[in-house]
Amino acid sequence: MKYCPNCGAQLPDNANFCSVCGTRFGAPQQNYQQPQYQQPQYQQPQKMTYMDRVRQARQEQKQKKGQIKWWMWALIGIGTYLLIQFNPLGLS
């Protein structure tokens, strides 16, 4: 006689599963190991010094300095068109 490892019921020697709870014990059980999750390490944000902020602001200004906004181009275009159409200075 053998006993069910899950519920403890008495079973015949040739049984492949428990007739009470249904646990299967004829095939070898595979031990599943869940993969270990490693939590990412938290890094505190680096404190910027005054000079780092000044350098960053200057770099941002340099990037913006070379860019003319779309509305500036629109004003230049409209002004040029009006100068050509109405010719306020009387040039031919």
PDB file of N, CA and C in Angstrom:
ATOM      1  N   MET A   1       0.835  -1.178   0.000  1.00  0.00           N
ATOM      2  CA  MET A   1       0.000   0.000   0.000  1.00  0.00           C
ATOM      3  C   MET A   1       0.882   1.245   0.000  1.00  0.00           C
ATOM      4  N   LYS A   2       0.373   2.264  -0.703  1.00  0.00           N
ATOM      5  CA  LYS A   2       1.071   3.543  -0.631  1.00  0.00           C
ATOM      6  C   LYS A   2       0.054   4.617  -0.294  1.00  0.00           C
ATOM      7  N   TYR A   3       0.571   5.766   0.114  1.00  0.00           N
ATOM      8  CA  TYR A   3      -0.272   6.859   0.581  1.00  0.00           C
ATOM      9  C   TYR A   3      -0.086   8.090  -0.320  1.00  0.00           C
ATOM     10  N   CYS A   4      -1.141   8.821  -0.510  1.00  0.00           N
ATOM     11  CA  CYS A   4      -1.091  10.047  -1.319  1.00  0.00           C
ATOM     12  C   CYS A   4      -0.298  11.107  -0.565  1.00  0.00           C
ATOM     13  N   PRO A   5       0.698  11.730  -1.205  1.00  0.00           N
ATOM     14  CA  PRO A   5       1.486  12.760  -0.523  1.00  0.00           C
ATOM     15  C   PRO A   5       0.692  14.047  -0.302  1.00  0.00           C
ATOM     16  N   ASN A   6      -0.415  14.204  -1.033  1.00  0.00           N
ATOM     17  CA  ASN A   6      -1.189  15.443  -0.906  1.00  0.00           C
ATOM     18  C   ASN A   6      -2.255  15.350   0.187  1.00  0.00           C
ATOM     19  N   CYS A   7      -3.080  14.287   0.129  1.00  0.00           N
ATOM     20  CA  CYS A   7      -4.191  14.190   1.089  1.00  0.00           C
ATOM     21  C   CYS A   7      -4.026  13.059   2.100  1.00  0.00           C
ATOM     22  N   GLY A   8      -3.075  12.136   1.868  1.00  0.00           N
ATOM     23  CA  GLY A   8      -2.828  11.048   2.815  1.00  0.00           C
ATOM     24  C   GLY A   8      -3.727   9.838   2.643  1.00  0.00           C
ATOM     25  N   ALA A   9      -4.501   9.766   1.554  1.00  0.00           N
ATOM     26  CA  ALA A   9      -5.398   8.633   1.330  1.00  0.00           C
ATOM     27  C   ALA A   9      -4.593   7.373   1.024  1.00  0.00           C
ATOM     28  N   GLN A  10      -5.114   6.228   1.470  1.00  0.00           N
ATOM     29  CA  GLN A  10      -4.445   4.949   1.229  1.00  0.00           C
ATOM     30  C   GLN A  10      -4.813   4.460  -0.174  1.00  0.00           C
ATOM     31  N   LEU A  11      -3.779   4.084  -0.964  1.00  0.00           N
ATOM     32  CA  LEU A  11      -3.970   3.713  -2.370  1.00  0.00           C
ATOM     33  C   LEU A  11      -3.272   2.399  -2.664  1.00  0.00           C
ATOM     34  N   PRO A  12      -3.715   1.676  -3.714  1.00  0.00           N
ATOM     35  CA  PRO A  12      -3.003   0.453  -4.112  1.00  0.00           C
ATOM     36  C   PRO A  12      -1.625   0.804  -4.674  1.00  0.00           C
ATOM     37  N   ASP A  13      -0.719  -0.181  -4.678  1.00  0.00           N
ATOM     38  CA  ASP A  13       0.661   0.051  -5.116  1.00  0.00           C
ATOM     39  C   ASP A  13       0.758   0.440  -6.591  1.00  0.00           C
ATOM     40  N   ASN A  14      -0.158  -0.008  -7.428  1.00  0.00           N
ATOM     41  CA  ASN A  14      -0.059   0.278  -8.858  1.00  0.00           C
ATOM     42  C   ASN A  14      -0.802   1.550  -9.276  1.00  0.00           C
ATOM     43  N   ALA A  15      -1.292   2.365  -8.340  1.00  0.00           N
ATOM     44  CA  ALA A  15      -2.051   3.582  -8.655  1.00  0.00           C
ATOM     45  C   ALA A  15      -1.119   4.673  -9.189  1.00  0.00           C
ATOM     46  N   ASN A  16      -1.582   5.373 -10.225  1.00  0.00           N
ATOM     47  CA  ASN A  16      -0.824   6.473 -10.805  1.00  0.00           C
ATOM     48  C   ASN A  16      -1.318   7.835 -10.336  1.00  0.00           C
ATOM     49  N   PHE A  17      -2.522   7.838  -9.781  1.00  0.00           N
ATOM     50  CA  PHE A  17      -3.053   9.089  -9.246  1.00  0.00           C
ATOM     51  C   PHE A  17      -3.957   8.777  -8.068  1.00  0.00           C
ATOM     52  N   CYS A  18      -4.189   9.766  -7.263  1.00  0.00           N
ATOM     53  CA  CYS A  18      -5.021   9.599  -6.064  1.00  0.00           C
ATOM     54  C   CYS A  18      -6.486   9.626  -6.478  1.00  0.00           C
ATOM     55  N   SER A  19      -7.263   8.655  -6.039  1.00  0.00           N
ATOM     56  CA  SER A  19      -8.683   8.601  -6.372  1.00  0.00           C
ATOM     57  C   SER A  19      -9.499   9.581  -5.531  1.00  0.00           C
ATOM     58  N   VAL A  20      -8.893  10.169  -4.493  1.00  0.00           N
ATOM     59  CA  VAL A  20      -9.605  11.104  -3.627  1.00  0.00           C
ATOM     60  C   VAL A  20      -9.386  12.547  -4.087  1.00  0.00           C
ATOM     61  N   CYS A  21      -8.118  12.951  -4.214  1.00  0.00           N
ATOM     62  CA  CYS A  21      -7.837  14.353  -4.555  1.00  0.00           C
ATOM     63  C   CYS A  21      -7.357  14.539  -5.988  1.00  0.00           C
ATOM     64  N   GLY A  22      -6.957  13.480  -6.670  1.00  0.00           N
ATOM     65  CA  GLY A  22      -6.552  13.579  -8.063  1.00  0.00           C
ATOM     66  C   GLY A  22      -5.088  13.881  -8.286  1.00  0.00           C
ATOM     67  N   THR A  23      -4.291  13.874  -7.248  1.00  0.00           N
ATOM     68  CA  THR A  23      -2.868  14.150  -7.394  1.00  0.00           C
ATOM     69  C   THR A  23      -2.211  13.047  -8.199  1.00  0.00           C
ATOM     70  N   ARG A  24      -1.418  13.422  -9.169  1.00  0.00           N
ATOM     71  CA  ARG A  24      -0.721  12.446 -10.014  1.00  0.00           C
ATOM     72  C   ARG A  24       0.671  12.215  -9.438  1.00  0.00           C
ATOM     73  N   PHE A  25       1.055  10.977  -9.277  1.00  0.00           N
ATOM     74  CA  PHE A  25       2.386  10.677  -8.753  1.00  0.00           C
ATOM     75  C   PHE A  25       3.073   9.561  -9.507  1.00  0.00           C
ATOM     76  N   GLY A  26       2.581   9.190 -10.661  1.00  0.00           N
ATOM     77  CA  GLY A  26       3.232   8.167 -11.469  1.00  0.00           C
ATOM     78  C   GLY A  26       4.443   8.736 -12.200  1.00  0.00           C
ATOM     79  N   ALA A  27       4.338   9.944 -12.704  1.00  0.00           N
ATOM     80  CA  ALA A  27       5.427  10.587 -13.435  1.00  0.00           C
ATOM     81  C   ALA A  27       6.254  11.426 -12.459  1.00  0.00           C
ATOM     82  N   PRO A  28       7.540  11.532 -12.728  1.00  0.00           N
ATOM     83  CA  PRO A  28       8.350  12.358 -11.839  1.00  0.00           C
ATOM     84  C   PRO A  28       7.906  13.813 -11.907  1.00  0.00           C
ATOM     85  N   GLN A  29       7.848  14.435 -10.759  1.00  0.00           N
ATOM     86  CA  GLN A  29       7.419  15.828 -10.698  1.00  0.00           C
ATOM     87  C   GLN A  29       8.587  16.735 -11.060  1.00  0.00           C
ATOM     88  N   GLN A  30       8.273  17.742 -11.832  1.00  0.00           N
ATOM     89  CA  GLN A  30       9.297  18.717 -12.204  1.00  0.00           C
ATOM     90  C   GLN A  30       9.231  19.869 -11.222  1.00  0.00           C
ATOM     91  N   ASN A  31      10.375  20.207 -10.731  1.00  0.00           N
ATOM     92  CA  ASN A  31      10.435  21.345  -9.818  1.00  0.00           C
ATOM     93  C   ASN A  31      10.637  22.611 -10.634  1.00  0.00           C
ATOM     94  N   TYR A  32       9.618  23.432 -10.651  1.00  0.00           N
ATOM     95  CA  TYR A  32       9.697  24.692 -11.377  1.00  0.00           C
ATOM     96  C   TYR A  32      10.218  25.746 -10.432  1.00  0.00           C
ATOM     97  N   GLN A  33      11.265  26.394 -10.873  1.00  0.00           N
ATOM     98  CA  GLN A  33      11.793  27.497 -10.080  1.00  0.00           C
ATOM     99  C   GLN A  33      11.486  28.784 -10.821  1.00  0.00           C
ATOM    100  N   GLN A  34      10.812  29.640 -10.129  1.00  0.00           N
ATOM    101  CA  GLN A  34      10.491  30.928 -10.729  1.00  0.00           C
ATOM    102  C   GLN A  34      11.770  31.745 -10.844  1.00  0.00           C
ATOM    103  N   PRO A  35      11.976  32.404 -11.992  1.00  0.00           N
ATOM    104  CA  PRO A  35      13.191  33.205 -12.131  1.00  0.00           C
ATOM    105  C   PRO A  35      13.245  34.301 -11.080  1.00  0.00           C
ATOM    106  N   GLN A  36      14.416  34.541 -10.598  1.00  0.00           N
ATOM    107  CA  GLN A  36      14.596  35.569  -9.575  1.00  0.00           C
ATOM    108  C   GLN A  36      14.539  36.944 -10.218  1.00  0.00           C
ATOM    109  N   TYR A  37      13.734  37.812  -9.653  1.00  0.00           N
ATOM    110  CA  TYR A  37      13.637  39.184 -10.127  1.00  0.00           C
ATOM    111  C   TYR A  37      14.583  40.028  -9.306  1.00  0.00           C
ATOM    112  N   GLN A  38      15.436  40.721  -9.999  1.00  0.00           N
ATOM    113  CA  GLN A  38      16.363  41.596  -9.290  1.00  0.00           C
ATOM    114  C   GLN A  38      15.891  43.023  -9.496  1.00  0.00           C
ATOM    115  N   GLN A  39      15.555  43.645  -8.405  1.00  0.00           N
ATOM    116  CA  GLN A  39      15.045  45.004  -8.472  1.00  0.00           C
ATOM    117  C   GLN A  39      16.168  45.960  -8.872  1.00  0.00           C
ATOM    118  N   PRO A  40      15.874  46.882  -9.802  1.00  0.00           N
ATOM    119  CA  PRO A  40      16.923  47.813 -10.208  1.00  0.00           C
ATOM    120  C   PRO A  40      17.356  48.689  -9.041  1.00  0.00           C
ATOM    121  N   GLN A  41      18.611  49.000  -9.041  1.00  0.00           N
ATOM    122  CA  GLN A  41      19.149  49.831  -7.970  1.00  0.00           C
ATOM    123  C   GLN A  41      18.740  51.283  -8.191  1.00  0.00           C
ATOM    124  N   TYR A  42      18.265  51.917  -7.152  1.00  0.00           N
ATOM    125  CA  TYR A  42      17.880  53.320  -7.226  1.00  0.00           C
ATOM    126  C   TYR A  42      19.120  54.176  -7.079  1.00  0.00           C
ATOM    127  N   GLN A  43      19.260  55.128  -7.989  1.00  0.00           N
ATOM    128  CA  GLN A  43      20.359  56.069  -7.889  1.00  0.00           C
ATOM    129  C   GLN A  43      19.778  57.444  -7.636  1.00  0.00           C
ATOM    130  N   GLN A  44      20.297  58.093  -6.645  1.00  0.00           N
ATOM    131  CA  GLN A  44      19.818  59.433  -6.355  1.00  0.00           C
ATOM    132  C   GLN A  44      20.239  60.371  -7.470  1.00  0.00           C
ATOM    133  N   PRO A  45      19.375  61.313  -7.823  1.00  0.00           N
ATOM    134  CA  PRO A  45      19.755  62.260  -8.858  1.00  0.00           C
ATOM    135  C   PRO A  45      20.968  63.073  -8.426  1.00  0.00           C
ATOM    136  N   GLN A  46      21.812  63.333  -9.399  1.00  0.00           N
ATOM    137  CA  GLN A  46      23.008  64.103  -9.101  1.00  0.00           C
ATOM    138  C   GLN A  46      22.628  65.565  -8.915  1.00  0.00           C
ATOM    139  N   LYS A  47      23.179  66.174  -7.898  1.00  0.00           N
ATOM    140  CA  LYS A  47      22.931  67.587  -7.675  1.00  0.00           C
ATOM    141  C   LYS A  47      23.806  68.387  -8.618  1.00  0.00           C
ATOM    142  N   MET A  48      23.177  69.341  -9.293  1.00  0.00           N
ATOM    143  CA  MET A  48      23.930  70.178 -10.212  1.00  0.00           C
ATOM    144  C   MET A  48      24.488  71.382  -9.451  1.00  0.00           C
ATOM    145  N   THR A  49      25.720  71.673  -9.717  1.00  0.00           N
ATOM    146  CA  THR A  49      26.316  72.857  -9.101  1.00  0.00           C
ATOM    147  C   THR A  49      25.846  74.084  -9.866  1.00  0.00           C
ATOM    148  N   TYR A  50      26.118  75.229  -9.317  1.00  0.00           N
ATOM    149  CA  TYR A  50      25.734  76.484  -9.963  1.00  0.00           C
ATOM    150  C   TYR A  50      26.377  76.595 -11.339  1.00  0.00           C
ATOM    151  N   MET A  51      27.647  76.246 -11.435  1.00  0.00           N
ATOM    152  CA  MET A  51      28.353  76.359 -12.711  1.00  0.00           C
ATOM    153  C   MET A  51      27.794  75.376 -13.746  1.00  0.00           C
ATOM    154  N   ASP A  52      27.365  74.194 -13.309  1.00  0.00           N
ATOM    155  CA  ASP A  52      26.753  73.244 -14.237  1.00  0.00           C
ATOM    156  C   ASP A  52      25.464  73.817 -14.820  1.00  0.00           C
ATOM    157  N   ARG A  53      24.665  74.474 -13.984  1.00  0.00           N
ATOM    158  CA  ARG A  53      23.423  75.086 -14.469  1.00  0.00           C
ATOM    159  C   ARG A  53      23.709  76.229 -15.431  1.00  0.00           C
ATOM    160  N   VAL A  54      24.759  77.020 -15.137  1.00  0.00           N
ATOM    161  CA  VAL A  54      25.128  78.126 -16.024  1.00  0.00           C
ATOM    162  C   VAL A  54      25.563  77.581 -17.379  1.00  0.00           C
ATOM    163  N   ARG A  55      26.396  76.534 -17.376  1.00  0.00           N
ATOM    164  CA  ARG A  55      26.852  75.932 -18.633  1.00  0.00           C
ATOM    165  C   ARG A  55      25.682  75.376 -19.434  1.00  0.00           C
ATOM    166  N   GLN A  56      24.755  74.732 -18.752  1.00  0.00           N
ATOM    167  CA  GLN A  56      23.599  74.167 -19.428  1.00  0.00           C
ATOM    168  C   GLN A  56      22.741  75.273 -20.038  1.00  0.00           C
ATOM    169  N   ALA A  57      22.521  76.362 -19.304  1.00  0.00           N
ATOM    170  CA  ALA A  57      21.720  77.470 -19.817  1.00  0.00           C
ATOM    171  C   ALA A  57      22.399  78.107 -21.027  1.00  0.00           C
ATOM    172  N   ARG A  58      23.715  78.275 -20.980  1.00  0.00           N
ATOM    173  CA  ARG A  58      24.437  78.862 -22.119  1.00  0.00           C
ATOM    174  C   ARG A  58      24.351  77.959 -23.347  1.00  0.00           C
ATOM    175  N   GLN A  59      24.445  76.661 -23.128  1.00  0.00           N
ATOM    176  CA  GLN A  59      24.352  75.730 -24.251  1.00  0.00           C
ATOM    177  C   GLN A  59      22.955  75.781 -24.881  1.00  0.00           C
ATOM    178  N   GLU A  60      21.923  75.876 -24.050  1.00  0.00           N
ATOM    179  CA  GLU A  60      20.560  75.973 -24.575  1.00  0.00           C
ATOM    180  C   GLU A  60      20.362  77.273 -25.340  1.00  0.00           C
ATOM    181  N   GLN A  61      20.967  78.373 -24.856  1.00  0.00           N
ATOM    182  CA  GLN A  61      20.864  79.649 -25.556  1.00  0.00           C
ATOM    183  C   GLN A  61      21.542  79.581 -26.917  1.00  0.00           C
ATOM    184  N   LYS A  62      22.689  78.916 -26.990  1.00  0.00           N
ATOM    185  CA  LYS A  62      23.395  78.789 -28.260  1.00  0.00           C
ATOM    186  C   LYS A  62      22.566  78.000 -29.258  1.00  0.00           C
ATOM    187  N   GLN A  63      21.886  76.968 -28.794  1.00  0.00           N
ATOM    188  CA  GLN A  63      21.059  76.160 -29.684  1.00  0.00           C
ATOM    189  C   GLN A  63      19.874  76.970 -30.202  1.00  0.00           C
ATOM    190  N   LYS A  64      19.271  77.810 -29.346  1.00  0.00           N
ATOM    191  CA  LYS A  64      18.124  78.610 -29.748  1.00  0.00           C
ATOM    192  C   LYS A  64      18.534  79.794 -30.606  1.00  0.00           C
ATOM    193  N   LYS A  65      19.737  80.285 -30.438  1.00  0.00           N
ATOM    194  CA  LYS A  65      20.187  81.497 -31.099  1.00  0.00           C
ATOM    195  C   LYS A  65      20.198  81.351 -32.617  1.00  0.00           C
ATOM    196  N   GLY A  66      20.587  80.202 -33.128  1.00  0.00           N
ATOM    197  CA  GLY A  66      20.678  79.997 -34.568  1.00  0.00           C
ATOM    198  C   GLY A  66      19.348  79.707 -35.237  1.00  0.00           C
ATOM    199  N   GLN A  67      18.304  79.551 -34.469  1.00  0.00           N
ATOM    200  CA  GLN A  67      17.013  79.182 -35.042  1.00  0.00           C
ATOM    201  C   GLN A  67      16.115  80.413 -35.147  1.00  0.00           C
ATOM    202  N   ILE A  68      15.611  80.683 -36.356  1.00  0.00           N
ATOM    203  CA  ILE A  68      14.625  81.743 -36.535  1.00  0.00           C
ATOM    204  C   ILE A  68      13.265  81.070 -36.563  1.00  0.00           C
ATOM    205  N   LYS A  69      12.353  81.608 -35.814  1.00  0.00           N
ATOM    206  CA  LYS A  69      11.017  81.026 -35.714  1.00  0.00           C
ATOM    207  C   LYS A  69      10.264  81.155 -37.035  1.00  0.00           C
ATOM    208  N   TRP A  70       9.281  80.304 -37.241  1.00  0.00           N
ATOM    209  CA  TRP A  70       8.518  80.298 -38.483  1.00  0.00           C
ATOM    210  C   TRP A  70       7.776  81.600 -38.691  1.00  0.00           C
ATOM    211  N   TRP A  71       7.305  82.212 -37.599  1.00  0.00           N
ATOM    212  CA  TRP A  71       6.548  83.447 -37.733  1.00  0.00           C
ATOM    213  C   TRP A  71       7.434  84.616 -38.147  1.00  0.00           C
ATOM    214  N   MET A  72       8.733  84.542 -37.818  1.00  0.00           N
ATOM    215  CA  MET A  72       9.666  85.579 -38.274  1.00  0.00           C
ATOM    216  C   MET A  72       9.806  85.506 -39.794  1.00  0.00           C
ATOM    217  N   TRP A  73       9.914  84.276 -40.303  1.00  0.00           N
ATOM    218  CA  TRP A  73      10.007  84.104 -41.754  1.00  0.00           C
ATOM    219  C   TRP A  73       8.716  84.573 -42.422  1.00  0.00           C
ATOM    220  N   ALA A  74       7.583  84.315 -41.793  1.00  0.00           N
ATOM    221  CA  ALA A  74       6.302  84.754 -42.354  1.00  0.00           C
ATOM    222  C   ALA A  74       6.236  86.278 -42.421  1.00  0.00           C
ATOM    223  N   LEU A  75       6.672  86.965 -41.364  1.00  0.00           N
ATOM    224  CA  LEU A  75       6.664  88.431 -41.359  1.00  0.00           C
ATOM    225  C   LEU A  75       7.594  88.994 -42.430  1.00  0.00           C
ATOM    226  N   ILE A  76       8.766  88.398 -42.581  1.00  0.00           N
ATOM    227  CA  ILE A  76       9.712  88.849 -43.602  1.00  0.00           C
ATOM    228  C   ILE A  76       9.103  88.661 -44.988  1.00  0.00           C
ATOM    229  N   GLY A  77       8.457  87.524 -45.210  1.00  0.00           N
ATOM    230  CA  GLY A  77       7.828  87.267 -46.507  1.00  0.00           C
ATOM    231  C   GLY A  77       6.694  88.226 -46.809  1.00  0.00           C
ATOM    232  N   ILE A  78       5.820  88.476 -45.827  1.00  0.00           N
ATOM    233  CA  ILE A  78       4.690  89.396 -46.023  1.00  0.00           C
ATOM    234  C   ILE A  78       5.203  90.808 -46.269  1.00  0.00           C
ATOM    235  N   GLY A  79       6.198  91.219 -45.489  1.00  0.00           N
ATOM    236  CA  GLY A  79       6.773  92.562 -45.671  1.00  0.00           C
ATOM    237  C   GLY A  79       7.384  92.725 -47.048  1.00  0.00           C
ATOM    238  N   THR A  80       8.113  91.745 -47.517  1.00  0.00           N
ATOM    239  CA  THR A  80       8.709  91.799 -48.854  1.00  0.00           C
ATOM    240  C   THR A  80       7.628  91.872 -49.920  1.00  0.00           C
ATOM    241  N   TYR A  81       6.590  91.074 -49.772  1.00  0.00           N
ATOM    242  CA  TYR A  81       5.477  91.084 -50.729  1.00  0.00           C
ATOM    243  C   TYR A  81       4.823  92.470 -50.787  1.00  0.00           C
ATOM    244  N   LEU A  82       4.556  93.058 -49.605  1.00  0.00           N
ATOM    245  CA  LEU A  82       3.924  94.373 -49.572  1.00  0.00           C
ATOM    246  C   LEU A  82       4.824  95.436 -50.185  1.00  0.00           C
ATOM    247  N   LEU A  83       6.119  95.369 -49.943  1.00  0.00           N
ATOM    248  CA  LEU A  83       7.047  96.329 -50.529  1.00  0.00           C
ATOM    249  C   LEU A  83       7.058  96.231 -52.051  1.00  0.00           C
ATOM    250  N   ILE A  84       7.006  95.015 -52.566  1.00  0.00           N
ATOM    251  CA  ILE A  84       7.013  94.834 -54.016  1.00  0.00           C
ATOM    252  C   ILE A  84       5.692  95.301 -54.623  1.00  0.00           C
ATOM    253  N   GLN A  85       4.571  95.013 -53.998  1.00  0.00           N
ATOM    254  CA  GLN A  85       3.260  95.339 -54.548  1.00  0.00           C
ATOM    255  C   GLN A  85       2.970  96.838 -54.505  1.00  0.00           C
ATOM    256  N   PHE A  86       3.197  97.480 -53.388  1.00  0.00           N
ATOM    257  CA  PHE A  86       2.778  98.865 -53.218  1.00  0.00           C
ATOM    258  C   PHE A  86       3.874  99.880 -53.505  1.00  0.00           C
ATOM    259  N   ASN A  87       5.117  99.466 -53.493  1.00  0.00           N
ATOM    260  CA  ASN A  87       6.260 100.312 -53.827  1.00  0.00           C
ATOM    261  C   ASN A  87       6.137 101.699 -53.198  1.00  0.00           C
ATOM    262  N   PRO A  88       6.175 101.818 -51.848  1.00  0.00           N
ATOM    263  CA  PRO A  88       5.943 103.092 -51.198  1.00  0.00           C
ATOM    264  C   PRO A  88       7.038 104.135 -51.479  1.00  0.00           C
ATOM    265  N   LEU A  89       8.197 103.713 -51.881  1.00  0.00           N
ATOM    266  CA  LEU A  89       9.273 104.662 -52.123  1.00  0.00           C
ATOM    267  C   LEU A  89       9.284 105.154 -53.569  1.00  0.00           C
ATOM    268  N   GLY A  90       8.444 104.626 -54.408  1.00  0.00           N
ATOM    269  CA  GLY A  90       8.354 105.047 -55.783  1.00  0.00           C
ATOM    270  C   GLY A  90       9.482 104.556 -56.650  1.00  0.00           C
ATOM    271  N   LEU A  91      10.125 103.478 -56.258  1.00  0.00           N
ATOM    272  CA  LEU A  91      11.203 102.920 -57.052  1.00  0.00           C
ATOM    273  C   LEU A  91      10.626 102.069 -58.185  1.00  0.00           C
ATOM    274  N   SER A  92      11.293 102.083 -59.328  1.00  0.00           N
ATOM    275  CA  SER A  92      10.775 101.266 -60.405  1.00  0.00           C
ATOM    276  C   SER A  92      11.679 100.131 -60.754  1.00  0.00           C
TER     277      SER A  92
END
